[in-house]
Amino acid sequence: MIRMKGIRKEYRMGENVVAALGGVDIHIEPHEFVSIIGPSGSGKSTLMNIIGCLDVADEGEYFLDGQEISDYTEDELAVIRNRKIGFVFQQFNLLPKLTAQENVELPLIYQGMSAGKRRARSEEVLERVGLLDRMDHKPTELSGGQQQRVAIARALAGNPSLILADEPTGNLDSRTGAEVMALFHELHEAGNTIVLITHDSGIAAQTPRAIHIHDGRVLDPADQSEVVI
């Protein structure tokens, strides 16, 4: 599913060059549920952006579903983001004037799906996350946990090969966060590949495998005590 080798990324800030990633190697199999954990400034957000084709590495190889990413144009990367990757964000990123169903349909509109098929698919995924009865509600009429479920449904709508979740429980209380994590486990058991970015060791402990990142590099298991959350 994901194979990265020697991924490096630098940012220039004035006259200073900041090395965000210093040669990262990771491998994630299809249908895995993996967390990437690290403290603020560790490089996990940069790594997430590269995995999600929101940014490109300065050096190294990245294969997604067997496809080399670095050779694609920005337009081709946009197609990959829309069709291969379902994004779930900490802030939910729902459009406030749209209903839950309309929010879920958005990526399907970009894919050119007909109105009838969009409606059927949005109802299917909203039922999957337990919110079919709230499909006509707008985000302000939903709790934080319900909004995140809508966001997960939107991520699932296009049937992506990868679900990429960035701090998906960060804005939720502990009970609601546990409910959202239970939903991710259900999705994983149904065969979805999930990569979850977090700074929370308690969240990372709930995933079958955790990749620890610190100072722009992936730690070997023996070095994971270096991570201070």
C-alpha atoms as a PDB file:
ATOM      1  CA  MET A   1       0.000   0.000   0.000  1.00  0.00           C
ATOM      2  CA  ILE A   2       2.612   2.568   1.145  1.00  0.00           C
ATOM      3  CA  ARG A   3       6.351   2.272   0.601  1.00  0.00           C
ATOM      4  CA  MET A   4       8.689   5.150   1.383  1.00  0.00           C
ATOM      5  CA  LYS A   5      12.452   5.055   1.180  1.00  0.00           C
ATOM      6  CA  GLY A   6      14.869   7.853   2.044  1.00  0.00           C
ATOM      7  CA  ILE A   7      12.191  10.544   2.264  1.00  0.00           C
ATOM      8  CA  ARG A   8      13.730  13.947   2.978  1.00  0.00           C
ATOM      9  CA  LYS A   9      12.020  17.302   3.251  1.00  0.00           C
ATOM     10  CA  GLU A  10      13.477  20.712   4.074  1.00  0.00           C
ATOM     11  CA  TYR A  11      11.828  24.099   4.554  1.00  0.00           C
ATOM     12  CA  ARG A  12      13.555  27.438   4.185  1.00  0.00           C
ATOM     13  CA  MET A  13      12.670  30.023   6.831  1.00  0.00           C
ATOM     14  CA  GLY A  14      14.473  33.221   5.924  1.00  0.00           C
ATOM     15  CA  GLU A  15      18.143  32.339   5.857  1.00  0.00           C
ATOM     16  CA  ASN A  16      17.623  29.162   7.870  1.00  0.00           C
ATOM     17  CA  VAL A  17      16.943  25.714   6.467  1.00  0.00           C
ATOM     18  CA  VAL A  18      14.846  23.394   8.652  1.00  0.00           C
ATOM     19  CA  ALA A  19      15.128  19.661   8.026  1.00  0.00           C
ATOM     20  CA  ALA A  20      11.599  18.354   8.662  1.00  0.00           C
ATOM     21  CA  LEU A  21      12.311  14.785   7.538  1.00  0.00           C
ATOM     22  CA  GLY A  22      15.775  13.311   7.447  1.00  0.00           C
ATOM     23  CA  GLY A  23      15.575  10.093   5.478  1.00  0.00           C
ATOM     24  CA  VAL A  24      12.352   8.295   6.443  1.00  0.00           C
ATOM     25  CA  ASP A  25      11.692   4.668   5.498  1.00  0.00           C
ATOM     26  CA  ILE A  26       8.236   3.208   6.151  1.00  0.00           C
ATOM     27  CA  HIS A  27       6.172   0.366   4.760  1.00  0.00           C
ATOM     28  CA  ILE A  28       2.451  -0.108   5.343  1.00  0.00           C
ATOM     29  CA  GLU A  29       0.626  -3.156   4.032  1.00  0.00           C
ATOM     30  CA  PRO A  30      -2.880  -3.114   2.538  1.00  0.00           C
ATOM     31  CA  HIS A  31      -5.625  -3.382   5.204  1.00  0.00           C
ATOM     32  CA  GLU A  32      -3.306  -2.347   8.054  1.00  0.00           C
ATOM     33  CA  PHE A  33      -4.345   0.071  10.808  1.00  0.00           C
ATOM     34  CA  VAL A  34      -1.235   2.050  11.713  1.00  0.00           C
ATOM     35  CA  SER A  35      -0.636   5.136  13.835  1.00  0.00           C
ATOM     36  CA  ILE A  36       2.205   7.588  13.279  1.00  0.00           C
ATOM     37  CA  ILE A  37       3.027   9.158  16.622  1.00  0.00           C
ATOM     38  CA  GLY A  38       5.374  11.924  17.622  1.00  0.00           C
ATOM     39  CA  PRO A  39       5.535  15.171  19.583  1.00  0.00           C
ATOM     40  CA  SER A  40       5.060  18.631  18.111  1.00  0.00           C
ATOM     41  CA  GLY A  41       7.874  19.389  15.660  1.00  0.00           C
ATOM     42  CA  SER A  42       8.740  15.739  15.139  1.00  0.00           C
ATOM     43  CA  GLY A  43       7.936  15.766  11.424  1.00  0.00           C
ATOM     44  CA  LYS A  44       4.705  13.783  11.595  1.00  0.00           C
ATOM     45  CA  SER A  45       2.617  16.537   9.965  1.00  0.00           C
ATOM     46  CA  THR A  46       5.111  16.818   7.112  1.00  0.00           C
ATOM     47  CA  LEU A  47       5.053  13.050   6.721  1.00  0.00           C
ATOM     48  CA  MET A  48       1.241  13.097   6.711  1.00  0.00           C
ATOM     49  CA  ASN A  49       1.211  15.750   3.980  1.00  0.00           C
ATOM     50  CA  ILE A  50       3.535  13.679   1.825  1.00  0.00           C
ATOM     51  CA  ILE A  51       1.541  10.477   2.400  1.00  0.00           C
ATOM     52  CA  GLY A  52      -1.620  12.393   1.475  1.00  0.00           C
ATOM     53  CA  CYS A  53      -0.020  13.863  -1.684  1.00  0.00           C
ATOM     54  CA  LEU A  54      -0.559  17.356  -0.268  1.00  0.00           C
ATOM     55  CA  ASP A  55       3.196  17.929  -0.496  1.00  0.00           C
ATOM     56  CA  VAL A  56       6.119  16.234  -2.216  1.00  0.00           C
ATOM     57  CA  ALA A  57       9.462  15.126  -0.831  1.00  0.00           C
ATOM     58  CA  ASP A  58      12.726  16.780  -1.788  1.00  0.00           C
ATOM     59  CA  GLU A  59      14.401  13.376  -2.007  1.00  0.00           C
ATOM     60  CA  GLY A  60      13.411   9.742  -1.755  1.00  0.00           C
ATOM     61  CA  GLU A  61      10.841   7.385  -3.213  1.00  0.00           C
ATOM     62  CA  TYR A  62       7.149   7.161  -2.380  1.00  0.00           C
ATOM     63  CA  PHE A  63       4.963   4.434  -3.851  1.00  0.00           C
ATOM     64  CA  LEU A  64       1.211   4.435  -3.180  1.00  0.00           C
ATOM     65  CA  ASP A  65      -0.650   1.358  -4.412  1.00  0.00           C
ATOM     66  CA  GLY A  66       2.447   0.539  -6.430  1.00  0.00           C
ATOM     67  CA  GLN A  67       2.518   3.944  -8.141  1.00  0.00           C
ATOM     68  CA  GLU A  68       5.545   6.231  -7.887  1.00  0.00           C
ATOM     69  CA  ILE A  69       4.215   9.581  -6.663  1.00  0.00           C
ATOM     70  CA  SER A  70       7.109  11.952  -7.371  1.00  0.00           C
ATOM     71  CA  ASP A  71       6.653  11.815 -11.154  1.00  0.00           C
ATOM     72  CA  TYR A  72       3.050  13.069 -11.131  1.00  0.00           C
ATOM     73  CA  THR A  73       1.912  16.576 -12.051  1.00  0.00           C
ATOM     74  CA  GLU A  74      -0.149  18.638  -9.602  1.00  0.00           C
ATOM     75  CA  ASP A  75      -3.319  17.871 -11.580  1.00  0.00           C
ATOM     76  CA  GLU A  76      -2.546  14.143 -11.428  1.00  0.00           C
ATOM     77  CA  LEU A  77      -1.890  14.399  -7.680  1.00  0.00           C
ATOM     78  CA  ALA A  78      -5.285  16.080  -7.264  1.00  0.00           C
ATOM     79  CA  VAL A  79      -6.920  13.068  -8.926  1.00  0.00           C
ATOM     80  CA  ILE A  80      -5.028  10.701  -6.607  1.00  0.00           C
ATOM     81  CA  ARG A  81      -6.121  12.716  -3.547  1.00  0.00           C
ATOM     82  CA  ASN A  82      -9.727  12.577  -4.687  1.00  0.00           C
ATOM     83  CA  ARG A  83      -9.897   8.932  -5.679  1.00  0.00           C
ATOM     84  CA  LYS A  84      -7.326   7.053  -3.600  1.00  0.00           C
ATOM     85  CA  ILE A  85      -7.256   8.892  -0.261  1.00  0.00           C
ATOM     86  CA  GLY A  86     -10.030   9.690   2.198  1.00  0.00           C
ATOM     87  CA  PHE A  87      -9.052  12.484   4.592  1.00  0.00           C
ATOM     88  CA  VAL A  88     -10.316  12.914   8.171  1.00  0.00           C
ATOM     89  CA  PHE A  89      -9.187  16.087   9.947  1.00  0.00           C
ATOM     90  CA  GLN A  90      -9.108  17.231  13.563  1.00  0.00           C
ATOM     91  CA  GLN A  91     -11.272  20.268  12.723  1.00  0.00           C
ATOM     92  CA  PHE A  92     -13.820  18.130  10.774  1.00  0.00           C
ATOM     93  CA  ASN A  93     -13.688  20.614   7.816  1.00  0.00           C
ATOM     94  CA  LEU A  94     -17.414  20.361   7.098  1.00  0.00           C
ATOM     95  CA  LEU A  95     -19.094  23.160   5.133  1.00  0.00           C
ATOM     96  CA  PRO A  96     -21.506  24.817   7.587  1.00  0.00           C
ATOM     97  CA  LYS A  97     -24.234  25.668   5.068  1.00  0.00           C
ATOM     98  CA  LEU A  98     -24.499  22.101   3.769  1.00  0.00           C
ATOM     99  CA  THR A  99     -26.339  19.180   5.341  1.00  0.00           C
ATOM    100  CA  ALA A 100     -24.512  16.058   6.435  1.00  0.00           C
ATOM    101  CA  GLN A 101     -25.532  14.330   3.234  1.00  0.00           C
ATOM    102  CA  GLU A 102     -24.427  17.248   1.062  1.00  0.00           C
ATOM    103  CA  ASN A 103     -21.041  17.323   2.814  1.00  0.00           C
ATOM    104  CA  VAL A 104     -20.594  13.604   2.182  1.00  0.00           C
ATOM    105  CA  GLU A 105     -21.488  14.026  -1.493  1.00  0.00           C
ATOM    106  CA  LEU A 106     -18.810  16.674  -2.170  1.00  0.00           C
ATOM    107  CA  PRO A 107     -15.951  14.348  -3.228  1.00  0.00           C
ATOM    108  CA  LEU A 108     -18.401  12.433  -5.425  1.00  0.00           C
ATOM    109  CA  ILE A 109     -19.346  15.637  -7.257  1.00  0.00           C
ATOM    110  CA  TYR A 110     -15.648  16.153  -8.062  1.00  0.00           C
ATOM    111  CA  GLN A 111     -15.548  12.604  -9.377  1.00  0.00           C
ATOM    112  CA  GLY A 112     -18.402  13.383 -11.773  1.00  0.00           C
ATOM    113  CA  MET A 113     -20.860  10.910 -10.236  1.00  0.00           C
ATOM    114  CA  SER A 114     -24.523  11.378 -11.132  1.00  0.00           C
ATOM    115  CA  ALA A 115     -26.933  12.867  -8.565  1.00  0.00           C
ATOM    116  CA  GLY A 116     -28.812   9.623  -8.067  1.00  0.00           C
ATOM    117  CA  LYS A 117     -25.662   7.586  -7.478  1.00  0.00           C
ATOM    118  CA  ARG A 118     -24.281  10.294  -5.139  1.00  0.00           C
ATOM    119  CA  ARG A 119     -27.397  10.174  -3.014  1.00  0.00           C
ATOM    120  CA  ALA A 120     -27.374   6.394  -2.802  1.00  0.00           C
ATOM    121  CA  ARG A 121     -23.674   6.288  -1.907  1.00  0.00           C
ATOM    122  CA  SER A 122     -23.950   9.058   0.697  1.00  0.00           C
ATOM    123  CA  GLU A 123     -26.867   7.285   2.372  1.00  0.00           C
ATOM    124  CA  GLU A 124     -24.880   4.042   2.375  1.00  0.00           C
ATOM    125  CA  VAL A 125     -21.845   5.526   4.134  1.00  0.00           C
ATOM    126  CA  LEU A 126     -23.916   7.633   6.556  1.00  0.00           C
ATOM    127  CA  GLU A 127     -25.720   4.454   7.574  1.00  0.00           C
ATOM    128  CA  ARG A 128     -22.340   2.783   7.999  1.00  0.00           C
ATOM    129  CA  VAL A 129     -21.300   5.425  10.553  1.00  0.00           C
ATOM    130  CA  GLY A 130     -24.693   5.382  12.276  1.00  0.00           C
ATOM    131  CA  LEU A 131     -25.963   8.784  11.106  1.00  0.00           C
ATOM    132  CA  LEU A 132     -28.517   8.078   8.398  1.00  0.00           C
ATOM    133  CA  ASP A 133     -31.215   9.611  10.610  1.00  0.00           C
ATOM    134  CA  ARG A 134     -29.185  12.862  10.787  1.00  0.00           C
ATOM    135  CA  MET A 135     -28.474  13.199   7.086  1.00  0.00           C
ATOM    136  CA  ASP A 136     -30.536  16.403   6.729  1.00  0.00           C
ATOM    137  CA  HIS A 137     -28.877  18.157   9.675  1.00  0.00           C
ATOM    138  CA  LYS A 138     -26.238  20.849   9.244  1.00  0.00           C
ATOM    139  CA  PRO A 139     -22.962  20.730  11.221  1.00  0.00           C
ATOM    140  CA  THR A 140     -24.185  23.236  13.842  1.00  0.00           C
ATOM    141  CA  GLU A 141     -27.039  20.836  14.603  1.00  0.00           C
ATOM    142  CA  LEU A 142     -24.660  17.959  15.301  1.00  0.00           C
ATOM    143  CA  SER A 143     -22.387  17.157  18.243  1.00  0.00           C
ATOM    144  CA  GLY A 144     -18.610  17.073  17.785  1.00  0.00           C
ATOM    145  CA  GLY A 145     -18.635  13.293  17.622  1.00  0.00           C
ATOM    146  CA  GLN A 146     -21.421  13.322  15.044  1.00  0.00           C
ATOM    147  CA  GLN A 147     -19.544  15.873  12.948  1.00  0.00           C
ATOM    148  CA  GLN A 148     -16.474  13.643  12.978  1.00  0.00           C
ATOM    149  CA  ARG A 149     -18.624  10.696  11.907  1.00  0.00           C
ATOM    150  CA  VAL A 150     -19.894  12.768   8.986  1.00  0.00           C
ATOM    151  CA  ALA A 151     -16.278  13.569   8.130  1.00  0.00           C
ATOM    152  CA  ILE A 152     -15.449   9.850   8.220  1.00  0.00           C
ATOM    153  CA  ALA A 153     -18.447   9.106   5.999  1.00  0.00           C
ATOM    154  CA  ARG A 154     -17.220  11.746   3.555  1.00  0.00           C
ATOM    155  CA  ALA A 155     -13.777  10.094   3.566  1.00  0.00           C
ATOM    156  CA  LEU A 156     -15.385   6.733   2.798  1.00  0.00           C
ATOM    157  CA  ALA A 157     -17.719   8.020   0.091  1.00  0.00           C
ATOM    158  CA  GLY A 158     -15.298   7.645  -2.802  1.00  0.00           C
ATOM    159  CA  ASN A 159     -14.267   4.149  -1.675  1.00  0.00           C
ATOM    160  CA  PRO A 160     -10.592   5.152  -1.281  1.00  0.00           C
ATOM    161  CA  SER A 161      -7.794   2.652  -0.861  1.00  0.00           C
ATOM    162  CA  LEU A 162      -6.407   4.665   2.095  1.00  0.00           C
ATOM    163  CA  ILE A 163      -8.026   6.572   4.969  1.00  0.00           C
ATOM    164  CA  LEU A 164      -5.649   9.210   6.361  1.00  0.00           C
ATOM    165  CA  ALA A 165      -6.783  10.609   9.729  1.00  0.00           C
ATOM    166  CA  ASP A 166      -5.032  13.628  11.248  1.00  0.00           C
ATOM    167  CA  GLU A 167      -5.590  13.842  15.037  1.00  0.00           C
ATOM    168  CA  PRO A 168      -9.211  12.687  14.550  1.00  0.00           C
ATOM    169  CA  THR A 169      -9.970  12.678  18.300  1.00  0.00           C
ATOM    170  CA  GLY A 170      -8.096  15.900  19.100  1.00  0.00           C
ATOM    171  CA  ASN A 171     -11.231  18.063  19.425  1.00  0.00           C
ATOM    172  CA  LEU A 172     -13.346  15.454  21.189  1.00  0.00           C
ATOM    173  CA  ASP A 173     -13.894  14.556  24.831  1.00  0.00           C
ATOM    174  CA  SER A 174     -12.577  11.189  25.973  1.00  0.00           C
ATOM    175  CA  ARG A 175     -15.909   9.342  25.686  1.00  0.00           C
ATOM    176  CA  THR A 176     -16.631  10.650  22.187  1.00  0.00           C
ATOM    177  CA  GLY A 177     -13.035  10.034  21.160  1.00  0.00           C
ATOM    178  CA  ALA A 178     -13.389   6.411  22.256  1.00  0.00           C
ATOM    179  CA  GLU A 179     -16.525   6.103  20.109  1.00  0.00           C
ATOM    180  CA  VAL A 180     -14.682   7.460  17.070  1.00  0.00           C
ATOM    181  CA  MET A 181     -11.781   5.073  17.666  1.00  0.00           C
ATOM    182  CA  ALA A 182     -14.263   2.193  17.907  1.00  0.00           C
ATOM    183  CA  LEU A 183     -15.583   3.228  14.497  1.00  0.00           C
ATOM    184  CA  PHE A 184     -12.066   3.183  13.041  1.00  0.00           C
ATOM    185  CA  HIS A 185     -11.624  -0.334  14.408  1.00  0.00           C
ATOM    186  CA  GLU A 186     -14.872  -1.386  12.728  1.00  0.00           C
ATOM    187  CA  LEU A 187     -13.665   0.082   9.443  1.00  0.00           C
ATOM    188  CA  HIS A 188     -10.338  -1.702   9.811  1.00  0.00           C
ATOM    189  CA  GLU A 189     -12.074  -5.007  10.480  1.00  0.00           C
ATOM    190  CA  ALA A 190     -14.106  -4.415   7.307  1.00  0.00           C
ATOM    191  CA  GLY A 191     -10.859  -4.215   5.322  1.00  0.00           C
ATOM    192  CA  ASN A 192     -10.003  -0.513   5.173  1.00  0.00           C
ATOM    193  CA  THR A 193      -6.375   0.647   5.306  1.00  0.00           C
ATOM    194  CA  ILE A 194      -6.069   3.376   7.936  1.00  0.00           C
ATOM    195  CA  VAL A 195      -3.138   5.637   8.821  1.00  0.00           C
ATOM    196  CA  LEU A 196      -3.785   7.763  11.914  1.00  0.00           C
ATOM    197  CA  ILE A 197      -1.542  10.706  12.846  1.00  0.00           C
ATOM    198  CA  THR A 198      -1.429  11.503  16.570  1.00  0.00           C
ATOM    199  CA  HIS A 199       0.635  12.969  19.377  1.00  0.00           C
ATOM    200  CA  ASP A 200      -1.367  10.961  21.945  1.00  0.00           C
ATOM    201  CA  SER A 201       0.306   7.758  23.145  1.00  0.00           C
ATOM    202  CA  GLY A 202      -3.050   6.500  24.452  1.00  0.00           C
ATOM    203  CA  ILE A 203      -4.550   6.747  20.971  1.00  0.00           C
ATOM    204  CA  ALA A 204      -1.497   5.176  19.330  1.00  0.00           C
ATOM    205  CA  ALA A 205      -1.669   2.268  21.785  1.00  0.00           C
ATOM    206  CA  GLN A 206      -5.107   1.402  20.398  1.00  0.00           C
ATOM    207  CA  THR A 207      -3.769   0.720  16.896  1.00  0.00           C
ATOM    208  CA  PRO A 208      -2.252  -2.648  15.960  1.00  0.00           C
ATOM    209  CA  ARG A 209       1.034  -0.985  14.947  1.00  0.00           C
ATOM    210  CA  ALA A 210       2.590   2.360  15.815  1.00  0.00           C
ATOM    211  CA  ILE A 211       5.359   4.127  13.903  1.00  0.00           C
ATOM    212  CA  HIS A 212       7.253   6.503  16.191  1.00  0.00           C
ATOM    213  CA  ILE A 213       8.799   9.602  14.647  1.00  0.00           C
ATOM    214  CA  HIS A 214      11.149  11.995  16.406  1.00  0.00           C
ATOM    215  CA  ASP A 215      13.290  14.828  15.028  1.00  0.00           C
ATOM    216  CA  GLY A 216      12.396  13.903  11.492  1.00  0.00           C
ATOM    217  CA  ARG A 217      13.317  10.245  11.664  1.00  0.00           C
ATOM    218  CA  VAL A 218      11.517   6.996  12.373  1.00  0.00           C
ATOM    219  CA  LEU A 219      12.722   5.380  15.564  1.00  0.00           C
ATOM    220  CA  ASP A 220      13.701   1.767  15.905  1.00  0.00           C
ATOM    221  CA  PRO A 221      11.761  -0.015  18.674  1.00  0.00           C
ATOM    222  CA  ALA A 222      14.810   0.153  20.952  1.00  0.00           C
ATOM    223  CA  ASP A 223      14.898   3.957  20.594  1.00  0.00           C
ATOM    224  CA  GLN A 224      11.218   4.678  21.175  1.00  0.00           C
ATOM    225  CA  SER A 225      11.872   5.811  24.724  1.00  0.00           C
ATOM    226  CA  GLU A 226      13.289   8.973  23.108  1.00  0.00           C
ATOM    227  CA  VAL A 227       9.761  10.134  22.294  1.00  0.00           C
ATOM    228  CA  VAL A 228       8.433  12.598  24.837  1.00  0.00           C
ATOM    229  CA  ILE A 229       4.749  13.411  24.297  1.00  0.00           C
END
